[in-house]
N, C-alpha and C. Protein backbone atom coordinates (compact mmCIF):
# COMPACT_ATOMS: atom_id res chain seq x y z
N MET A 1 -38.16 87.76 103.12
CA MET A 1 -39.37 88.57 103.03
C MET A 1 -39.68 88.82 101.56
N PRO A 2 -40.96 88.73 101.13
CA PRO A 2 -41.28 88.93 99.73
C PRO A 2 -40.87 90.30 99.24
N GLU A 3 -40.61 90.39 97.92
CA GLU A 3 -40.18 91.65 97.35
C GLU A 3 -41.21 92.74 97.53
N ARG A 4 -42.49 92.35 97.69
CA ARG A 4 -43.54 93.35 97.86
C ARG A 4 -43.43 94.06 99.19
N ALA A 5 -42.61 93.53 100.11
CA ALA A 5 -42.51 94.12 101.45
C ALA A 5 -42.01 95.54 101.39
N LEU A 6 -42.43 96.31 102.40
CA LEU A 6 -41.88 97.65 102.53
C LEU A 6 -40.40 97.56 102.80
N GLN A 7 -39.61 98.42 102.10
CA GLN A 7 -38.18 98.44 102.30
C GLN A 7 -37.78 99.79 102.86
N VAL A 8 -36.78 99.78 103.73
CA VAL A 8 -36.24 101.03 104.24
C VAL A 8 -34.90 101.24 103.56
N ILE A 9 -34.73 102.36 102.91
CA ILE A 9 -33.50 102.62 102.20
C ILE A 9 -32.88 103.90 102.73
N THR A 10 -31.61 104.07 102.51
CA THR A 10 -30.90 105.23 103.03
C THR A 10 -31.55 106.51 102.52
N GLY A 11 -31.89 107.38 103.49
CA GLY A 11 -32.45 108.66 103.13
C GLY A 11 -33.95 108.65 102.91
N GLY A 12 -34.60 107.53 103.08
CA GLY A 12 -36.05 107.51 102.89
C GLY A 12 -36.58 106.11 102.92
N SER A 13 -37.83 105.96 102.55
CA SER A 13 -38.44 104.64 102.49
C SER A 13 -39.41 104.60 101.35
N GLN A 14 -39.75 103.41 100.94
CA GLN A 14 -40.76 103.29 99.89
C GLN A 14 -41.59 102.05 100.17
N HIS A 15 -42.88 102.14 99.79
CA HIS A 15 -43.77 101.00 99.91
C HIS A 15 -43.89 100.36 98.54
N HIS A 16 -43.63 99.06 98.47
CA HIS A 16 -43.97 98.36 97.24
C HIS A 16 -45.49 98.17 97.27
N SER A 17 -46.10 98.14 96.11
CA SER A 17 -47.55 98.04 96.04
C SER A 17 -48.02 96.75 96.70
N ARG A 18 -49.08 96.87 97.48
CA ARG A 18 -49.64 95.70 98.15
C ARG A 18 -50.96 95.36 97.48
N ASN A 19 -51.16 94.07 97.20
CA ASN A 19 -52.40 93.69 96.55
C ASN A 19 -53.49 93.48 97.60
N ALA A 20 -54.68 93.13 97.13
CA ALA A 20 -55.82 93.04 98.04
C ALA A 20 -55.64 91.96 99.08
N THR A 21 -54.99 90.86 98.72
CA THR A 21 -54.80 89.78 99.68
C THR A 21 -53.89 90.21 100.82
N GLU A 22 -52.76 90.81 100.47
CA GLU A 22 -51.84 91.26 101.50
C GLU A 22 -52.48 92.34 102.37
N GLU A 23 -53.22 93.24 101.74
CA GLU A 23 -53.89 94.30 102.50
C GLU A 23 -54.90 93.72 103.47
N SER A 24 -55.65 92.70 103.05
CA SER A 24 -56.64 92.10 103.94
C SER A 24 -55.98 91.38 105.10
N ILE A 25 -54.81 90.79 104.87
CA ILE A 25 -54.07 90.13 105.96
C ILE A 25 -53.62 91.16 107.00
N LEU A 26 -53.09 92.28 106.52
CA LEU A 26 -52.63 93.32 107.44
C LEU A 26 -53.79 93.93 108.22
N GLU A 27 -54.91 94.16 107.55
CA GLU A 27 -56.07 94.72 108.24
C GLU A 27 -56.63 93.73 109.27
N ALA A 28 -56.60 92.45 108.93
CA ALA A 28 -57.05 91.43 109.88
C ALA A 28 -56.15 91.41 111.12
N ALA A 29 -54.85 91.57 110.92
CA ALA A 29 -53.93 91.60 112.05
C ALA A 29 -54.16 92.83 112.90
N ARG A 30 -54.42 93.97 112.28
CA ARG A 30 -54.72 95.19 113.04
C ARG A 30 -55.96 94.98 113.91
N ALA A 31 -57.00 94.42 113.31
CA ALA A 31 -58.24 94.19 114.04
C ALA A 31 -58.01 93.23 115.20
N ALA A 32 -57.22 92.19 114.96
CA ALA A 32 -56.93 91.23 116.03
C ALA A 32 -56.23 91.90 117.20
N LEU A 33 -55.26 92.78 116.91
CA LEU A 33 -54.52 93.46 117.97
C LEU A 33 -55.42 94.38 118.79
N ARG A 34 -56.45 94.93 118.16
CA ARG A 34 -57.37 95.78 118.90
C ARG A 34 -58.28 94.99 119.83
N GLU A 35 -58.44 93.68 119.57
CA GLU A 35 -59.45 92.90 120.27
C GLU A 35 -58.90 91.83 121.20
N GLU A 36 -57.62 91.43 121.02
CA GLU A 36 -57.10 90.36 121.86
C GLU A 36 -55.60 90.53 122.07
N PRO A 37 -55.08 89.90 123.13
CA PRO A 37 -53.65 90.02 123.40
C PRO A 37 -52.81 89.41 122.27
N TYR A 38 -51.63 89.96 122.10
CA TYR A 38 -50.72 89.49 121.05
C TYR A 38 -50.46 88.00 121.18
N GLU A 39 -50.31 87.51 122.41
CA GLU A 39 -49.98 86.10 122.64
C GLU A 39 -51.06 85.17 122.12
N ARG A 40 -52.29 85.63 122.04
CA ARG A 40 -53.39 84.77 121.60
C ARG A 40 -53.62 84.83 120.09
N ILE A 41 -52.96 85.75 119.43
CA ILE A 41 -53.12 85.88 117.98
C ILE A 41 -52.32 84.79 117.30
N THR A 42 -52.93 84.16 116.31
CA THR A 42 -52.26 83.10 115.56
C THR A 42 -52.38 83.36 114.06
N ILE A 43 -51.55 82.69 113.29
CA ILE A 43 -51.66 82.78 111.84
C ILE A 43 -53.02 82.27 111.38
N ASP A 44 -53.49 81.19 112.01
CA ASP A 44 -54.83 80.67 111.67
C ASP A 44 -55.90 81.73 111.89
N GLY A 45 -55.80 82.42 113.04
CA GLY A 45 -56.79 83.44 113.36
C GLY A 45 -56.74 84.60 112.38
N ILE A 46 -55.55 85.02 112.02
CA ILE A 46 -55.41 86.10 111.04
C ILE A 46 -56.00 85.67 109.70
N ALA A 47 -55.72 84.44 109.30
CA ALA A 47 -56.24 83.93 108.02
C ALA A 47 -57.77 83.93 108.02
N LYS A 48 -58.37 83.48 109.12
CA LYS A 48 -59.83 83.44 109.19
C LYS A 48 -60.42 84.84 109.10
N ARG A 49 -59.81 85.78 109.81
CA ARG A 49 -60.32 87.16 109.77
C ARG A 49 -60.19 87.76 108.36
N ALA A 50 -59.12 87.38 107.67
CA ALA A 50 -58.87 87.93 106.34
C ALA A 50 -59.59 87.16 105.24
N PHE A 51 -60.24 86.04 105.60
CA PHE A 51 -60.94 85.18 104.64
C PHE A 51 -59.97 84.67 103.57
N VAL A 52 -58.79 84.27 104.04
CA VAL A 52 -57.79 83.67 103.14
C VAL A 52 -57.28 82.40 103.80
N SER A 53 -56.51 81.61 103.07
CA SER A 53 -55.95 80.38 103.62
C SER A 53 -54.67 80.68 104.42
N ARG A 54 -54.29 79.71 105.26
CA ARG A 54 -53.01 79.83 105.97
C ARG A 54 -51.86 79.92 104.97
N THR A 55 -51.97 79.20 103.87
CA THR A 55 -50.92 79.23 102.85
C THR A 55 -50.76 80.63 102.28
N ALA A 56 -51.86 81.34 102.10
CA ALA A 56 -51.79 82.70 101.57
C ALA A 56 -51.06 83.61 102.55
N VAL A 57 -51.34 83.46 103.85
CA VAL A 57 -50.64 84.28 104.85
C VAL A 57 -49.14 83.99 104.80
N TYR A 58 -48.80 82.70 104.77
CA TYR A 58 -47.38 82.33 104.77
C TYR A 58 -46.66 82.72 103.48
N PHE A 59 -47.41 82.94 102.41
CA PHE A 59 -46.79 83.42 101.18
C PHE A 59 -46.17 84.80 101.39
N TYR A 60 -46.85 85.62 102.21
CA TYR A 60 -46.38 86.99 102.44
C TYR A 60 -45.54 87.12 103.71
N PHE A 61 -45.83 86.29 104.72
CA PHE A 61 -45.19 86.46 106.02
C PHE A 61 -44.76 85.09 106.56
N PRO A 62 -43.50 84.94 106.96
CA PRO A 62 -43.04 83.64 107.45
C PRO A 62 -43.60 83.27 108.81
N ASN A 63 -44.03 84.27 109.60
CA ASN A 63 -44.55 83.99 110.94
C ASN A 63 -45.35 85.20 111.44
N LYS A 64 -45.91 85.05 112.62
CA LYS A 64 -46.75 86.12 113.19
C LYS A 64 -45.95 87.38 113.44
N ARG A 65 -44.75 87.23 113.94
CA ARG A 65 -43.92 88.41 114.23
C ARG A 65 -43.64 89.22 112.96
N ALA A 66 -43.49 88.54 111.83
CA ALA A 66 -43.26 89.26 110.58
C ALA A 66 -44.45 90.12 110.20
N VAL A 67 -45.66 89.65 110.50
CA VAL A 67 -46.86 90.46 110.24
C VAL A 67 -46.81 91.72 111.10
N ILE A 68 -46.46 91.55 112.38
CA ILE A 68 -46.40 92.69 113.29
C ILE A 68 -45.31 93.66 112.86
N ASP A 69 -44.16 93.12 112.46
CA ASP A 69 -43.08 94.00 112.00
C ASP A 69 -43.53 94.85 110.82
N ARG A 70 -44.29 94.26 109.90
CA ARG A 70 -44.79 95.03 108.75
C ARG A 70 -45.75 96.12 109.22
N LEU A 71 -46.63 95.80 110.17
CA LEU A 71 -47.55 96.82 110.68
C LEU A 71 -46.79 97.96 111.34
N ILE A 72 -45.71 97.64 112.04
CA ILE A 72 -44.90 98.68 112.68
C ILE A 72 -44.22 99.54 111.62
N GLN A 73 -43.73 98.91 110.57
CA GLN A 73 -43.13 99.66 109.46
C GLN A 73 -44.14 100.65 108.88
N LEU A 74 -45.35 100.17 108.66
CA LEU A 74 -46.38 101.03 108.08
C LEU A 74 -46.76 102.15 109.03
N ALA A 75 -46.81 101.87 110.34
CA ALA A 75 -47.13 102.91 111.32
C ALA A 75 -46.09 104.01 111.30
N PHE A 76 -44.81 103.64 111.29
CA PHE A 76 -43.76 104.65 111.26
C PHE A 76 -43.78 105.44 109.95
N SER A 77 -44.10 104.77 108.86
CA SER A 77 -44.19 105.47 107.58
C SER A 77 -45.31 106.51 107.61
N ASP A 78 -46.45 106.15 108.20
CA ASP A 78 -47.56 107.09 108.30
C ASP A 78 -47.21 108.25 109.23
N MET A 79 -46.46 107.96 110.30
CA MET A 79 -46.06 109.03 111.21
C MET A 79 -45.10 110.00 110.54
N TYR A 80 -44.21 109.45 109.71
CA TYR A 80 -43.28 110.34 108.99
C TYR A 80 -44.07 111.24 108.04
N ALA A 81 -45.01 110.65 107.31
CA ALA A 81 -45.82 111.46 106.39
C ALA A 81 -46.61 112.52 107.14
N ALA A 82 -47.10 112.17 108.33
CA ALA A 82 -47.86 113.12 109.14
C ALA A 82 -46.98 114.28 109.60
N ALA A 83 -45.73 113.98 109.91
CA ALA A 83 -44.81 115.02 110.41
C ALA A 83 -44.15 115.82 109.31
N ALA A 84 -44.41 115.48 108.05
CA ALA A 84 -43.74 116.12 106.91
C ALA A 84 -43.90 117.64 106.86
N PRO A 85 -45.02 118.23 107.31
CA PRO A 85 -45.09 119.69 107.25
C PRO A 85 -43.93 120.38 107.97
N TYR A 86 -43.43 119.76 109.04
CA TYR A 86 -42.25 120.32 109.70
C TYR A 86 -40.96 119.73 109.16
N LEU A 87 -40.90 118.40 109.06
CA LEU A 87 -39.66 117.75 108.67
C LEU A 87 -39.18 118.21 107.29
N ASP A 88 -40.09 118.33 106.35
CA ASP A 88 -39.74 118.70 104.98
C ASP A 88 -40.11 120.14 104.64
N GLY A 89 -40.67 120.85 105.61
CA GLY A 89 -41.17 122.19 105.33
C GLY A 89 -40.08 123.25 105.35
N GLU A 90 -40.44 124.41 104.81
CA GLU A 90 -39.54 125.56 104.81
C GLU A 90 -40.28 126.83 105.18
N GLY A 91 -41.47 126.67 105.75
CA GLY A 91 -42.27 127.84 106.09
C GLY A 91 -42.08 128.27 107.53
N ASP A 92 -43.13 128.88 108.07
CA ASP A 92 -43.08 129.35 109.45
C ASP A 92 -42.95 128.16 110.39
N ALA A 93 -41.89 128.12 111.18
CA ALA A 93 -41.60 126.95 112.01
C ALA A 93 -42.69 126.68 113.04
N ARG A 94 -43.19 127.72 113.65
CA ARG A 94 -44.21 127.52 114.70
C ARG A 94 -45.45 126.88 114.12
N ARG A 95 -45.88 127.38 112.96
CA ARG A 95 -47.06 126.81 112.31
C ARG A 95 -46.79 125.38 111.85
N ASP A 96 -45.61 125.15 111.27
CA ASP A 96 -45.27 123.82 110.78
C ASP A 96 -45.21 122.80 111.91
N ILE A 97 -44.64 123.19 113.04
CA ILE A 97 -44.56 122.28 114.20
C ILE A 97 -45.95 121.88 114.66
N HIS A 98 -46.84 122.85 114.81
CA HIS A 98 -48.19 122.55 115.30
C HIS A 98 -48.93 121.63 114.34
N ARG A 99 -48.85 121.93 113.06
CA ARG A 99 -49.55 121.10 112.08
C ARG A 99 -48.99 119.68 112.07
N ALA A 100 -47.65 119.57 112.10
CA ALA A 100 -47.03 118.25 112.07
C ALA A 100 -47.41 117.44 113.30
N LEU A 101 -47.41 118.05 114.47
CA LEU A 101 -47.74 117.32 115.69
C LEU A 101 -49.21 116.91 115.71
N ALA A 102 -50.10 117.78 115.24
CA ALA A 102 -51.53 117.43 115.20
C ALA A 102 -51.75 116.21 114.31
N GLN A 103 -51.09 116.20 113.14
CA GLN A 103 -51.24 115.07 112.23
C GLN A 103 -50.58 113.81 112.79
N THR A 104 -49.46 113.98 113.50
CA THR A 104 -48.77 112.83 114.07
C THR A 104 -49.61 112.18 115.17
N VAL A 105 -50.23 112.99 116.01
CA VAL A 105 -51.10 112.44 117.05
C VAL A 105 -52.24 111.64 116.42
N ALA A 106 -52.81 112.14 115.34
CA ALA A 106 -53.87 111.40 114.66
C ALA A 106 -53.35 110.08 114.11
N ALA A 107 -52.15 110.08 113.56
CA ALA A 107 -51.56 108.84 113.04
C ALA A 107 -51.27 107.86 114.17
N VAL A 108 -50.77 108.36 115.29
CA VAL A 108 -50.50 107.49 116.44
C VAL A 108 -51.79 106.87 116.95
N ASN A 109 -52.85 107.65 117.04
CA ASN A 109 -54.13 107.10 117.49
C ASN A 109 -54.62 106.01 116.54
N GLU A 110 -54.44 106.21 115.25
CA GLU A 110 -54.88 105.22 114.27
C GLU A 110 -54.12 103.91 114.43
N HIS A 111 -52.86 103.99 114.80
CA HIS A 111 -52.01 102.80 114.93
C HIS A 111 -51.73 102.45 116.40
N SER A 112 -52.58 102.91 117.31
CA SER A 112 -52.27 102.81 118.74
C SER A 112 -52.02 101.38 119.20
N ALA A 113 -52.83 100.43 118.76
CA ALA A 113 -52.66 99.05 119.22
C ALA A 113 -51.31 98.49 118.78
N VAL A 114 -50.91 98.79 117.56
CA VAL A 114 -49.62 98.32 117.04
C VAL A 114 -48.47 98.98 117.79
N LEU A 115 -48.57 100.29 118.03
CA LEU A 115 -47.48 101.01 118.67
C LEU A 115 -47.34 100.64 120.14
N LEU A 116 -48.45 100.38 120.80
CA LEU A 116 -48.38 99.92 122.20
C LEU A 116 -47.70 98.56 122.28
N LEU A 117 -48.01 97.69 121.34
CA LEU A 117 -47.33 96.40 121.31
C LEU A 117 -45.85 96.58 121.04
N ALA A 118 -45.51 97.49 120.12
CA ALA A 118 -44.09 97.76 119.83
C ALA A 118 -43.37 98.23 121.08
N ALA A 119 -44.02 99.12 121.85
CA ALA A 119 -43.40 99.61 123.08
C ALA A 119 -43.22 98.48 124.08
N ARG A 120 -44.19 97.58 124.13
CA ARG A 120 -44.08 96.45 125.06
C ARG A 120 -42.95 95.51 124.67
N ILE A 121 -42.85 95.21 123.39
CA ILE A 121 -41.78 94.34 122.92
C ILE A 121 -40.42 94.97 123.20
N SER A 122 -40.31 96.28 122.94
CA SER A 122 -39.05 96.97 123.21
C SER A 122 -38.70 96.91 124.68
N GLY A 123 -39.71 97.08 125.56
CA GLY A 123 -39.47 97.02 126.99
C GLY A 123 -39.01 95.65 127.45
N GLN A 124 -39.60 94.62 126.90
CA GLN A 124 -39.21 93.26 127.27
C GLN A 124 -37.78 92.95 126.85
N MET A 125 -37.35 93.56 125.73
CA MET A 125 -36.01 93.30 125.22
C MET A 125 -34.98 94.29 125.78
N ASP A 126 -35.46 95.31 126.53
CA ASP A 126 -34.61 96.36 127.07
C ASP A 126 -33.92 97.19 125.98
N ARG A 127 -34.39 97.10 124.78
CA ARG A 127 -33.83 97.89 123.68
C ARG A 127 -34.79 97.83 122.51
N LEU A 128 -34.60 98.74 121.58
CA LEU A 128 -35.40 98.72 120.37
C LEU A 128 -34.91 97.59 119.47
N PRO A 129 -35.80 96.71 118.99
CA PRO A 129 -35.34 95.68 118.06
C PRO A 129 -34.59 96.29 116.88
N ALA A 130 -33.51 95.65 116.48
CA ALA A 130 -32.63 96.21 115.45
C ALA A 130 -33.36 96.51 114.16
N GLU A 131 -34.36 95.69 113.82
CA GLU A 131 -35.05 95.88 112.55
C GLU A 131 -35.94 97.14 112.56
N TRP A 132 -36.23 97.69 113.74
CA TRP A 132 -37.03 98.90 113.82
C TRP A 132 -36.19 100.16 113.86
N GLU A 133 -34.91 100.02 114.15
CA GLU A 133 -34.05 101.19 114.32
C GLU A 133 -34.05 102.14 113.12
N PRO A 134 -34.08 101.64 111.87
CA PRO A 134 -34.07 102.58 110.74
C PRO A 134 -35.26 103.53 110.72
N TYR A 135 -36.42 103.10 111.24
CA TYR A 135 -37.60 103.97 111.21
C TYR A 135 -37.44 105.11 112.20
N ILE A 136 -36.89 104.80 113.39
CA ILE A 136 -36.63 105.85 114.37
C ILE A 136 -35.57 106.81 113.84
N MET A 137 -34.51 106.26 113.26
CA MET A 137 -33.43 107.10 112.76
C MET A 137 -33.90 108.01 111.63
N ARG A 138 -34.82 107.52 110.83
CA ARG A 138 -35.33 108.37 109.74
C ARG A 138 -36.02 109.61 110.30
N LEU A 139 -36.83 109.43 111.35
CA LEU A 139 -37.48 110.58 111.98
C LEU A 139 -36.45 111.51 112.63
N ARG A 140 -35.52 110.93 113.38
CA ARG A 140 -34.50 111.75 114.05
C ARG A 140 -33.69 112.56 113.04
N ASN A 141 -33.25 111.89 111.99
CA ASN A 141 -32.40 112.56 111.01
C ASN A 141 -33.15 113.67 110.28
N ALA A 142 -34.42 113.42 109.97
CA ALA A 142 -35.21 114.44 109.27
C ALA A 142 -35.44 115.65 110.17
N ALA A 143 -35.74 115.41 111.45
CA ALA A 143 -35.93 116.52 112.38
C ALA A 143 -34.63 117.30 112.55
N ALA A 144 -33.52 116.59 112.64
CA ALA A 144 -32.22 117.26 112.77
C ALA A 144 -31.91 118.10 111.54
N ARG A 145 -32.25 117.60 110.36
CA ARG A 145 -32.01 118.37 109.13
C ARG A 145 -32.81 119.67 109.12
N ARG A 146 -34.08 119.61 109.56
CA ARG A 146 -34.89 120.84 109.59
C ARG A 146 -34.31 121.83 110.59
N ILE A 147 -33.96 121.33 111.77
CA ILE A 147 -33.38 122.23 112.77
C ILE A 147 -32.09 122.84 112.25
N ARG A 148 -31.25 122.02 111.64
CA ARG A 148 -29.96 122.52 111.12
C ARG A 148 -30.19 123.55 110.02
N ARG A 149 -31.15 123.32 109.13
CA ARG A 149 -31.45 124.30 108.08
C ARG A 149 -31.85 125.64 108.68
N ASP A 150 -32.69 125.58 109.71
CA ASP A 150 -33.15 126.83 110.32
C ASP A 150 -32.04 127.51 111.11
N GLN A 151 -31.14 126.72 111.69
CA GLN A 151 -29.98 127.32 112.35
C GLN A 151 -29.10 128.03 111.33
N GLN A 152 -28.84 127.37 110.21
CA GLN A 152 -27.98 127.96 109.18
C GLN A 152 -28.61 129.20 108.56
N ALA A 153 -29.93 129.26 108.55
CA ALA A 153 -30.63 130.42 107.99
C ALA A 153 -30.77 131.54 109.02
N GLY A 154 -30.29 131.32 110.23
CA GLY A 154 -30.39 132.33 111.27
C GLY A 154 -31.74 132.41 111.93
N LEU A 155 -32.59 131.39 111.70
CA LEU A 155 -33.93 131.38 112.29
C LEU A 155 -33.95 130.75 113.68
N ALA A 156 -32.91 130.01 114.00
CA ALA A 156 -32.81 129.33 115.29
C ALA A 156 -31.38 129.45 115.79
N PRO A 157 -31.18 129.65 117.09
CA PRO A 157 -29.82 129.70 117.62
C PRO A 157 -29.12 128.36 117.44
N ALA A 158 -27.82 128.40 117.25
CA ALA A 158 -27.05 127.19 116.96
C ALA A 158 -26.20 126.74 118.15
N ASP A 159 -26.59 127.16 119.37
CA ASP A 159 -25.77 126.81 120.53
C ASP A 159 -25.93 125.35 120.94
N ILE A 160 -27.02 124.69 120.51
CA ILE A 160 -27.22 123.27 120.78
C ILE A 160 -27.21 122.53 119.44
N PRO A 161 -26.40 121.47 119.29
CA PRO A 161 -26.35 120.75 118.02
C PRO A 161 -27.73 120.23 117.60
N ALA A 162 -28.00 120.29 116.32
CA ALA A 162 -29.31 119.88 115.81
C ALA A 162 -29.63 118.43 116.15
N GLY A 163 -28.65 117.55 116.06
CA GLY A 163 -28.90 116.15 116.37
C GLY A 163 -29.27 115.93 117.82
N THR A 164 -28.64 116.66 118.73
CA THR A 164 -28.96 116.56 120.15
C THR A 164 -30.38 117.03 120.42
N SER A 165 -30.74 118.16 119.83
CA SER A 165 -32.11 118.67 119.98
C SER A 165 -33.13 117.68 119.43
N SER A 166 -32.85 117.12 118.27
CA SER A 166 -33.78 116.18 117.63
C SER A 166 -34.03 114.98 118.53
N ARG A 167 -32.98 114.37 119.05
CA ARG A 167 -33.15 113.18 119.90
C ARG A 167 -33.96 113.51 121.15
N ALA A 168 -33.62 114.60 121.81
CA ALA A 168 -34.29 114.96 123.06
C ALA A 168 -35.76 115.31 122.83
N LEU A 169 -36.02 116.08 121.79
CA LEU A 169 -37.40 116.52 121.55
C LEU A 169 -38.29 115.39 121.08
N LEU A 170 -37.77 114.50 120.24
CA LEU A 170 -38.58 113.36 119.81
C LEU A 170 -38.88 112.43 120.98
N ALA A 171 -37.92 112.27 121.90
CA ALA A 171 -38.18 111.46 123.10
C ALA A 171 -39.28 112.10 123.94
N MET A 172 -39.27 113.41 124.05
CA MET A 172 -40.31 114.12 124.79
C MET A 172 -41.68 113.92 124.14
N VAL A 173 -41.73 114.08 122.82
CA VAL A 173 -42.99 113.93 122.09
C VAL A 173 -43.53 112.51 122.24
N GLU A 174 -42.65 111.53 122.05
CA GLU A 174 -43.07 110.13 122.16
C GLU A 174 -43.65 109.84 123.54
N GLY A 175 -42.93 110.25 124.60
CA GLY A 175 -43.40 109.98 125.95
C GLY A 175 -44.73 110.62 126.25
N GLN A 176 -44.88 111.88 125.84
CA GLN A 176 -46.12 112.60 126.11
C GLN A 176 -47.30 111.99 125.37
N ILE A 177 -47.11 111.68 124.10
CA ILE A 177 -48.23 111.14 123.31
C ILE A 177 -48.64 109.77 123.82
N VAL A 178 -47.66 108.91 124.10
CA VAL A 178 -48.00 107.56 124.57
C VAL A 178 -48.66 107.61 125.94
N ARG A 179 -48.04 108.32 126.89
CA ARG A 179 -48.57 108.33 128.27
C ARG A 179 -49.88 109.08 128.38
N GLU A 180 -49.92 110.28 127.80
CA GLU A 180 -51.06 111.16 128.04
C GLU A 180 -52.22 110.94 127.07
N VAL A 181 -51.93 110.58 125.84
CA VAL A 181 -52.99 110.48 124.83
C VAL A 181 -53.39 109.03 124.60
N VAL A 182 -52.43 108.17 124.23
CA VAL A 182 -52.77 106.79 123.88
C VAL A 182 -53.20 106.00 125.11
N ILE A 183 -52.37 106.02 126.16
CA ILE A 183 -52.69 105.24 127.36
C ILE A 183 -53.66 106.00 128.27
N GLY A 184 -53.37 107.28 128.50
CA GLY A 184 -54.16 108.05 129.46
C GLY A 184 -55.46 108.60 128.94
N GLY A 185 -55.63 108.62 127.61
CA GLY A 185 -56.87 109.15 127.05
C GLY A 185 -57.04 110.64 127.26
N GLY A 186 -55.92 111.36 127.36
CA GLY A 186 -55.97 112.79 127.61
C GLY A 186 -56.40 113.59 126.40
N ASP A 187 -56.45 114.90 126.59
CA ASP A 187 -56.89 115.82 125.54
C ASP A 187 -55.79 115.94 124.50
N ALA A 188 -56.04 115.41 123.32
CA ALA A 188 -55.02 115.42 122.27
C ALA A 188 -54.70 116.85 121.83
N GLN A 189 -55.71 117.70 121.73
CA GLN A 189 -55.47 119.08 121.29
C GLN A 189 -54.59 119.83 122.27
N GLU A 190 -54.80 119.61 123.56
CA GLU A 190 -53.97 120.27 124.56
C GLU A 190 -52.54 119.75 124.52
N SER A 191 -52.39 118.45 124.32
CA SER A 191 -51.05 117.88 124.21
C SER A 191 -50.31 118.44 123.00
N VAL A 192 -51.02 118.58 121.88
CA VAL A 192 -50.41 119.16 120.68
C VAL A 192 -49.98 120.60 120.95
N ARG A 193 -50.85 121.36 121.60
CA ARG A 193 -50.53 122.77 121.89
C ARG A 193 -49.27 122.88 122.76
N VAL A 194 -49.23 122.08 123.81
CA VAL A 194 -48.09 122.15 124.75
C VAL A 194 -46.81 121.67 124.06
N LEU A 195 -46.88 120.52 123.38
CA LEU A 195 -45.69 119.98 122.73
C LEU A 195 -45.17 120.91 121.65
N ALA A 196 -46.06 121.52 120.87
CA ALA A 196 -45.63 122.43 119.81
C ALA A 196 -44.93 123.65 120.41
N GLU A 197 -45.47 124.17 121.50
CA GLU A 197 -44.85 125.33 122.13
C GLU A 197 -43.50 124.98 122.74
N LEU A 198 -43.42 123.82 123.38
CA LEU A 198 -42.15 123.40 123.96
C LEU A 198 -41.09 123.20 122.88
N TRP A 199 -41.48 122.57 121.77
CA TRP A 199 -40.52 122.34 120.67
C TRP A 199 -40.03 123.69 120.13
N TRP A 200 -40.98 124.61 119.89
CA TRP A 200 -40.60 125.90 119.32
C TRP A 200 -39.67 126.66 120.26
N ARG A 201 -40.00 126.69 121.56
CA ARG A 201 -39.15 127.41 122.50
C ARG A 201 -37.77 126.77 122.60
N ALA A 202 -37.71 125.43 122.61
CA ALA A 202 -36.43 124.74 122.75
C ALA A 202 -35.51 125.00 121.57
N VAL A 203 -36.06 125.08 120.37
CA VAL A 203 -35.24 125.20 119.18
C VAL A 203 -35.07 126.64 118.72
N TYR A 204 -36.13 127.46 118.83
CA TYR A 204 -36.13 128.74 118.13
C TYR A 204 -36.01 129.96 119.04
N SER A 205 -36.26 129.83 120.33
CA SER A 205 -36.14 131.01 121.18
C SER A 205 -34.68 131.32 121.45
N LYS A 206 -34.38 132.59 121.52
CA LYS A 206 -32.99 133.01 121.73
C LYS A 206 -32.61 132.84 123.19
N PRO A 207 -31.38 132.37 123.45
CA PRO A 207 -30.93 132.23 124.84
C PRO A 207 -30.83 133.58 125.52
N ILE A 208 -31.15 133.62 126.80
CA ILE A 208 -31.08 134.87 127.56
C ILE A 208 -29.62 135.17 127.86
N SER A 209 -29.19 136.33 127.46
CA SER A 209 -27.79 136.70 127.68
C SER A 209 -27.57 137.21 129.10
N GLY A 210 -26.35 137.09 129.56
CA GLY A 210 -25.99 137.59 130.89
C GLY A 210 -26.46 136.71 131.99
């Protein structure tokens, strides 16, 4: 993969700068995914949409799947940035959760065609492709760190390990957003309200004694 590719590194990620040619290839692939099945998309088709040669596409990507993998990387990066008010925040947890989820739903909608394809590929393989695992783990680990910080500060009960809460809650958020918003076309604002309240109650409400 060219050095300009997005790299995932321990504890974070960084985007190498993308020039106009690479950007046009990625945008062409996004547009193709919105308009036709993945199986019908070709390197030739992406090149035509991007107004570049096949050679230019192959300079950046060895095959069609590599283009899709890059789009998935970018989608997860945008989702992490959207969730940053909670993941990296230190303010009021309830407010941070709501803001982070609202921004995450917007990011998911923007990348919906790519993420639906990612879910389909994962389903066909019965597991998440290994090259995507770092993006999921980055979200899980960041959520666990926020929960753990708030537990240590006495803002959240510590009876459930932060990592366990992070995995369960992110699975809940993913399922709700994909089923109800992306596929079902449901009310995004209502989904954000419900998910934010469920997250806050699960992590921050005190267990009932006795």
